[in-house]
């Protein structure tokens, strides 16, 4: 067995293996590429693949960001698990982090490039693996919500008319809205601005907006964190409580329903009560993240 850097030829295998995991689905070539070779943070030495006679046995995806190390995915082929392959991959990346002077490692997510907000707590083998490799978790849970789409009516005509009477127009975003959406998203974070901008890569644009007096006051989008994910969603504070977010959220759900999704996820979701009321969302997945402090060699 040897360790090689991730290459384009490996990406279909990464996609296939991720989609075979329990509760995972919907990852496509574009979303995998954006989180690996297409990421601005991609470094081949941080995305090792274990191979034997040219056949992949496992892979790990990691990044360095904000002077920290981040591991977002680790998968070993089902018939080769518990043979030390995962540990070899983790140790290879830890060694690179240490060479770069990075001591703090987080496992489960990374800003702007994560698959999920942690590792599903039901992955018993993964939990045992992290403990074996001296990673710790505070067991603070993040959740994804599920929304069942099949056979449901997400129509918003009545609500749209009510909002029009208040001078609020809801509609699909256009190219001309792009800069204003970016500015609105920045009121939350740069991460949300980057995520929402990805909706413009989809056809049709997978983002809906609300405006009043030519001012954008809300947006909701989907297909940015992954094809099956909804979000982010943002309403300016002074316009909350008018049902605007519920309308643009349901417009996104209707779009995803037309695309053929039976069930979608709201990634790293909150507020849970809002989504439960507006689209009948339920808690579907629960995640922990893991951390470890590496010992660095003394400098000099």
Protein backbone atom coordinates (compact mmCIF):
# COMPACT_ATOMS: atom_id res chain seq x y z
CA UNK A 1 0.00 0.00 0.00
CA UNK A 2 1.16 3.53 -0.75
CA UNK A 3 -0.15 7.01 -0.05
CA UNK A 4 -0.63 9.29 -3.09
CA UNK A 5 -2.17 12.76 -3.51
CA UNK A 6 -5.80 13.05 -4.60
CA UNK A 7 -6.11 13.33 -8.38
CA UNK A 8 -8.95 13.99 -10.76
CA UNK A 9 -9.22 10.28 -11.54
CA UNK A 10 -10.14 9.67 -7.89
CA UNK A 11 -13.10 12.06 -7.78
CA UNK A 12 -15.76 9.64 -9.13
CA UNK A 13 -14.72 7.18 -6.42
CA UNK A 14 -14.93 9.87 -3.74
CA UNK A 15 -18.44 10.73 -4.94
CA UNK A 16 -19.54 7.09 -5.07
CA UNK A 17 -18.16 6.19 -1.64
CA UNK A 18 -19.69 9.26 0.01
CA UNK A 19 -23.11 8.54 -1.49
CA UNK A 20 -22.94 4.94 -0.25
CA UNK A 21 -22.61 6.04 3.37
CA UNK A 22 -25.80 5.72 5.43
CA UNK A 23 -27.92 8.89 5.26
CA UNK A 24 -25.70 10.43 2.55
CA UNK A 25 -27.07 11.02 -0.92
CA UNK A 26 -27.09 13.50 -3.77
CA UNK A 27 -23.42 14.44 -4.00
CA UNK A 28 -22.56 15.11 -7.63
CA UNK A 29 -19.36 15.70 -9.58
CA UNK A 30 -19.56 19.48 -9.31
CA UNK A 31 -20.03 19.53 -5.54
CA UNK A 32 -17.18 17.05 -5.01
CA UNK A 33 -14.82 19.01 -7.26
CA UNK A 34 -15.67 22.28 -5.45
CA UNK A 35 -14.60 20.70 -2.14
CA UNK A 36 -11.39 19.14 -3.44
CA UNK A 37 -9.38 20.11 -6.51
CA UNK A 38 -11.59 23.11 -7.22
CA UNK A 39 -11.28 24.62 -3.76
CA UNK A 40 -9.08 27.66 -3.34
CA UNK A 41 -7.63 25.93 -0.26
CA UNK A 42 -6.71 22.69 -2.07
CA UNK A 43 -3.28 21.26 -1.31
CA UNK A 44 -2.51 17.77 -2.63
CA UNK A 45 -0.48 16.78 0.45
CA UNK A 46 -3.59 17.39 2.61
CA UNK A 47 -5.82 15.09 0.53
CA UNK A 48 -4.11 11.70 0.58
CA UNK A 49 -5.42 8.54 -1.05
CA UNK A 50 -4.36 5.06 0.02
CA UNK A 51 -3.78 2.80 -2.98
CA UNK A 52 -2.82 -0.81 -3.51
CA UNK A 53 -1.81 -1.86 -7.01
CA UNK A 54 -3.45 1.30 -8.30
CA UNK A 55 -6.78 0.59 -6.58
CA UNK A 56 -8.01 3.16 -4.05
CA UNK A 57 -8.57 1.82 -0.54
CA UNK A 58 -9.40 5.06 1.26
CA UNK A 59 -9.15 8.83 1.13
CA UNK A 60 -9.00 11.81 3.48
CA UNK A 61 -9.89 15.44 2.71
CA UNK A 62 -8.26 18.17 4.79
CA UNK A 63 -7.45 21.87 4.68
CA UNK A 64 -5.47 24.55 6.46
CA UNK A 65 -7.52 27.64 7.22
CA UNK A 66 -7.22 30.42 9.80
CA UNK A 67 -4.00 28.80 11.10
CA UNK A 68 -5.86 25.63 12.00
CA UNK A 69 -6.10 22.15 10.50
CA UNK A 70 -9.45 20.81 9.35
CA UNK A 71 -10.48 17.29 8.28
CA UNK A 72 -13.83 17.13 6.50
CA UNK A 73 -14.03 13.57 5.20
CA UNK A 74 -12.40 10.18 5.75
CA UNK A 75 -13.66 7.04 4.05
CA UNK A 76 -12.07 3.59 3.83
CA UNK A 77 -13.42 0.95 1.49
CA UNK A 78 -15.82 -1.33 3.36
CA UNK A 79 -13.81 -4.53 2.81
CA UNK A 80 -10.55 -2.94 4.00
CA UNK A 81 -11.67 -1.26 7.21
CA UNK A 82 -10.00 -1.99 10.56
CA UNK A 83 -6.67 -2.66 8.84
CA UNK A 84 -4.94 0.60 9.81
CA UNK A 85 -5.60 2.40 6.54
CA UNK A 86 -7.60 5.23 8.10
CA UNK A 87 -4.97 5.70 10.77
CA UNK A 88 -2.22 5.91 8.11
CA UNK A 89 -4.16 8.64 6.30
CA UNK A 90 -4.80 10.62 9.49
CA UNK A 91 -1.18 10.34 10.55
CA UNK A 92 0.02 11.53 7.14
CA UNK A 93 -2.13 14.67 7.37
CA UNK A 94 -1.26 15.29 11.03
CA UNK A 95 2.42 15.15 10.09
CA UNK A 96 1.86 17.75 7.38
CA UNK A 97 -0.05 19.99 9.77
CA UNK A 98 2.82 19.70 12.26
CA UNK A 99 5.42 20.55 9.60
CA UNK A 100 3.39 23.65 8.82
CA UNK A 101 3.36 24.66 12.48
CA UNK A 102 -0.31 23.87 12.99
CA UNK A 103 -1.22 22.24 16.29
CA UNK A 104 -5.02 22.49 16.49
CA UNK A 105 -7.06 20.08 14.33
CA UNK A 106 -10.84 20.00 13.95
CA UNK A 107 -12.54 16.98 12.38
CA UNK A 108 -16.00 17.10 10.83
CA UNK A 109 -16.18 20.41 9.01
CA UNK A 110 -14.24 23.39 7.70
CA UNK A 111 -15.47 26.90 6.90
CA UNK A 112 -16.78 27.14 3.30
CA UNK A 113 -15.86 23.60 2.27
CA UNK A 114 -17.68 21.24 4.62
CA UNK A 115 -19.91 18.36 3.60
CA UNK A 116 -21.82 18.27 6.88
CA UNK A 117 -21.44 20.16 10.18
CA UNK A 118 -19.70 17.22 11.81
CA UNK A 119 -19.74 13.45 11.71
CA UNK A 120 -23.05 11.67 12.20
CA UNK A 121 -23.21 10.31 15.75
CA UNK A 122 -24.74 7.10 14.40
CA UNK A 123 -21.47 6.21 12.67
CA UNK A 124 -20.34 4.03 15.57
CA UNK A 125 -17.18 2.93 13.83
CA UNK A 126 -16.19 6.53 13.16
CA UNK A 127 -16.72 7.48 16.81
CA UNK A 128 -14.57 4.56 17.94
CA UNK A 129 -11.92 5.47 15.37
CA UNK A 130 -11.71 9.06 16.59
CA UNK A 131 -11.35 7.95 20.19
CA UNK A 132 -8.64 5.47 19.22
CA UNK A 133 -6.71 8.25 17.50
CA UNK A 134 -6.97 10.52 20.57
CA UNK A 135 -9.50 13.01 19.25
CA UNK A 136 -11.99 14.44 21.71
CA UNK A 137 -15.54 15.72 21.39
CA UNK A 138 -17.62 17.80 23.78
CA UNK A 139 -20.71 16.00 22.40
CA UNK A 140 -22.28 19.33 21.51
CA UNK A 141 -24.72 18.50 18.76
CA UNK A 142 -25.38 20.23 15.47
CA UNK A 143 -28.37 19.07 13.46
CA UNK A 144 -29.64 18.80 9.91
CA UNK A 145 -33.37 18.95 9.31
CA UNK A 146 -35.22 16.77 6.84
CA UNK A 147 -38.10 18.07 4.75
CA UNK A 148 -40.25 15.53 2.94
CA UNK A 149 -41.27 16.95 -0.44
CA UNK A 150 -43.15 14.12 -2.13
CA UNK A 151 -46.85 14.80 -2.62
CA UNK A 152 -46.88 18.13 -0.78
CA UNK A 153 -48.19 21.53 -1.85
CA UNK A 154 -45.74 24.38 -1.39
CA UNK A 155 -47.83 26.95 -3.24
CA UNK A 156 -47.47 30.55 -2.06
CA UNK A 157 -49.93 32.50 -4.21
CA UNK A 158 -52.09 33.68 -1.30
CA UNK A 159 -49.09 34.72 0.78
CA UNK A 160 -47.48 36.49 -2.17
CA UNK A 161 -50.64 38.57 -2.68
CA UNK A 162 -50.71 39.47 1.02
CA UNK A 163 -47.10 40.65 0.83
CA UNK A 164 -47.75 42.64 -2.36
CA UNK A 165 -50.44 44.55 -0.49
CA UNK A 166 -47.67 45.57 1.94
CA UNK A 167 -45.41 46.65 -0.92
CA UNK A 168 -43.22 43.52 -0.68
CA UNK A 169 -42.44 41.60 -3.87
CA UNK A 170 -41.07 38.04 -3.81
CA UNK A 171 -39.55 36.54 -6.95
CA UNK A 172 -36.72 34.49 -8.35
CA UNK A 173 -33.43 36.37 -8.32
CA UNK A 174 -31.88 37.61 -11.55
CA UNK A 175 -28.30 38.27 -12.62
CA UNK A 176 -28.94 41.95 -11.93
CA UNK A 177 -29.56 41.12 -8.26
CA UNK A 178 -26.22 39.44 -7.73
CA UNK A 179 -24.32 42.34 -6.15
CA UNK A 180 -27.24 43.25 -3.91
CA UNK A 181 -27.62 39.64 -2.74
CA UNK A 182 -23.92 39.60 -1.89
CA UNK A 183 -24.27 42.79 0.14
CA UNK A 184 -27.32 41.45 1.98
CA UNK A 185 -25.59 38.15 2.76
CA UNK A 186 -22.57 40.02 4.11
CA UNK A 187 -24.76 41.39 6.89
CA UNK A 188 -24.55 37.84 8.26
CA UNK A 189 -21.08 36.66 7.19
CA UNK A 190 -18.69 36.36 4.28
CA UNK A 191 -19.34 32.62 4.34
CA UNK A 192 -23.02 33.17 3.67
CA UNK A 193 -22.16 35.57 0.86
CA UNK A 194 -19.94 32.95 -0.77
CA UNK A 195 -22.54 30.21 -0.29
CA UNK A 196 -25.43 32.25 -1.67
CA UNK A 197 -23.33 33.28 -4.67
CA UNK A 198 -23.08 29.62 -5.67
CA UNK A 199 -26.82 29.66 -6.45
CA UNK A 200 -25.94 31.62 -9.59
CA UNK A 201 -24.09 28.58 -10.90
CA UNK A 202 -27.38 26.67 -11.07
CA UNK A 203 -29.92 26.71 -13.89
CA UNK A 204 -32.36 28.14 -13.05
CA UNK A 205 -30.80 30.44 -10.45
CA UNK A 206 -31.65 28.65 -7.21
CA UNK A 207 -32.31 31.76 -5.16
CA UNK A 208 -35.44 33.77 -4.37
CA UNK A 209 -35.55 37.31 -3.01
CA UNK A 210 -37.99 39.70 -1.40
CA UNK A 211 -37.75 43.42 -2.01
CA UNK A 212 -39.52 46.54 -0.84
CA UNK A 213 -39.02 49.98 -2.37
CA UNK A 214 -36.22 48.54 -4.54
CA UNK A 215 -34.37 47.29 -1.46
CA UNK A 216 -33.59 43.60 -0.99
CA UNK A 217 -34.80 42.54 2.42
CA UNK A 218 -34.68 38.73 2.22
CA UNK A 219 -33.19 35.88 0.26
CA UNK A 220 -33.49 32.10 0.37
CA UNK A 221 -31.52 29.68 -1.75
CA UNK A 222 -30.75 26.00 -2.25
CA UNK A 223 -28.24 23.79 -4.05
CA UNK A 224 -25.26 25.77 -2.71
CA UNK A 225 -23.81 23.51 0.00
CA UNK A 226 -24.80 20.46 -2.06
CA UNK A 227 -27.55 19.64 -4.58
CA UNK A 228 -29.91 18.37 -1.88
CA UNK A 229 -29.36 21.16 0.65
CA UNK A 230 -31.49 24.21 1.38
CA UNK A 231 -29.94 27.44 2.64
CA UNK A 232 -28.76 29.90 3.59
CA UNK A 233 -31.82 32.03 4.40
CA UNK A 234 -31.72 35.63 5.62
CA UNK A 235 -34.24 38.36 6.41
CA UNK A 236 -33.24 41.80 7.62
CA UNK A 237 -34.18 42.13 11.31
CA UNK A 238 -36.66 44.97 10.83
CA UNK A 239 -38.69 42.87 8.37
CA UNK A 240 -38.90 39.67 10.38
CA UNK A 241 -42.27 38.46 11.61
CA UNK A 242 -44.11 39.24 8.37
CA UNK A 243 -43.98 35.73 6.91
CA UNK A 244 -41.48 36.70 4.20
CA UNK A 245 -38.96 33.97 5.01
CA UNK A 246 -41.70 31.35 5.00
CA UNK A 247 -42.70 32.34 1.46
CA UNK A 248 -39.21 32.32 -0.06
CA UNK A 249 -38.41 29.08 1.77
CA UNK A 250 -41.48 27.39 0.33
CA UNK A 251 -40.64 28.72 -3.13
CA UNK A 252 -37.29 26.96 -2.84
CA UNK A 253 -39.01 23.76 -1.70
CA UNK A 254 -41.36 23.87 -4.70
CA UNK A 255 -38.35 24.26 -6.98
CA UNK A 256 -36.55 21.31 -5.42
CA UNK A 257 -39.73 19.26 -5.67
CA UNK A 258 -39.92 20.00 -9.41
CA UNK A 259 -36.31 18.85 -9.73
CA UNK A 260 -37.38 15.44 -8.45
CA UNK A 261 -36.15 15.44 -4.86
CA UNK A 262 -38.26 13.32 -2.52
CA UNK A 263 -36.57 14.65 0.61
CA UNK A 264 -34.10 17.47 1.16
CA UNK A 265 -31.96 18.64 4.06
CA UNK A 266 -31.48 21.95 5.79
CA UNK A 267 -27.81 21.90 6.68
CA UNK A 268 -26.64 23.02 10.14
CA UNK A 269 -30.21 24.18 10.71
CA UNK A 270 -31.69 26.85 12.91
CA UNK A 271 -34.03 28.17 14.09
CA UNK A 272 -35.62 24.74 14.23
CA UNK A 273 -39.04 26.03 15.26
CA UNK A 274 -39.32 28.25 12.20
CA UNK A 275 -38.61 25.41 9.78
CA UNK A 276 -40.92 23.04 11.63
CA UNK A 277 -43.78 25.53 11.31
CA UNK A 278 -43.14 26.76 7.79
CA UNK A 279 -42.30 23.54 5.93
CA UNK A 280 -42.86 20.72 8.46
CA UNK A 281 -39.15 20.05 8.94
CA UNK A 282 -38.01 17.40 11.41
CA UNK A 283 -34.61 16.66 12.92
CA UNK A 284 -32.99 14.13 10.64
CA UNK A 285 -29.29 13.98 11.43
CA UNK A 286 -27.18 14.83 14.47
CA UNK A 287 -23.45 15.55 14.37
CA UNK A 288 -20.44 15.89 16.64
CA UNK A 289 -17.17 17.55 15.70
CA UNK A 290 -13.82 16.38 17.08
CA UNK A 291 -10.62 18.15 18.07
CA UNK A 292 -7.01 17.33 18.83
CA UNK A 293 -3.89 19.24 19.83
CA UNK A 294 -0.77 18.05 18.02
CA UNK A 295 2.65 18.11 19.63
CA UNK A 296 4.98 20.31 17.57
CA UNK A 297 8.74 19.85 17.50
CA UNK A 298 10.60 22.67 19.27
CA UNK A 299 11.70 25.37 16.84
CA UNK A 300 15.41 26.05 16.35
